[in-house]
Amino acid sequence: MATPRRERNPEGRPQNGRPRDGLGRPLPRGSEGVERIPDDVQLPPVESLVRAQQLLDDGMPFHAHEILEGTWKISTPTERALWQGLAQLAVGLTHLLRGNRVGATSLLTQGRDRIGTYAEAPHDIDIAGLMRWADLLVTALDRGESPVPTVPHLTHRRQFT
């Protein structure tokens, strides 16, 4: 039996063309999924924070993670761990909502630890608030509870001007 060929984008890079649900899970071919975030998305920091917050508010943390990951890939060396940590928090929330407690605990902890190294975060990112949010979830998970997560606020301001 032949191995199926992997889908590729026009540049020849691997790409999964299957539709996805709001939590990023692949759906069967032909299903209607949510709009995908392009694999090569790379937004500047403020635009990334606005778009990621919209996706978090809409209950799509996996897609917020994709936005934040794109910014992580193009960030300056001094901000790289910050963007990686933000992406990990979003995907940690994704795992929690999918029911993967171990993955959620691991990624929320890693994300919290990464952003925690920034005493003064750029772009008005709410480091202290995000750390409290992650700590509450991780503590509940460690106790064996099933926390119902609130939507994290990436910045001190809810609306950007």
Foldseek 3Di string as FASTA:
>chain_A
DDDDDFDADPVRHGDDPAAAALLRHGDDRPDDHDDADDQQAADADLVLLLVLLVSLVVVRLLRNLSSLVNPLVVDDPVCNLLSQLVSLQSNLVSCLVVVNLVSNLVSLVSSLVSNVVCPPDPPQFDNVQSNVQSVVSNVCSVVVHNDDHDRGRGHPDNDDD
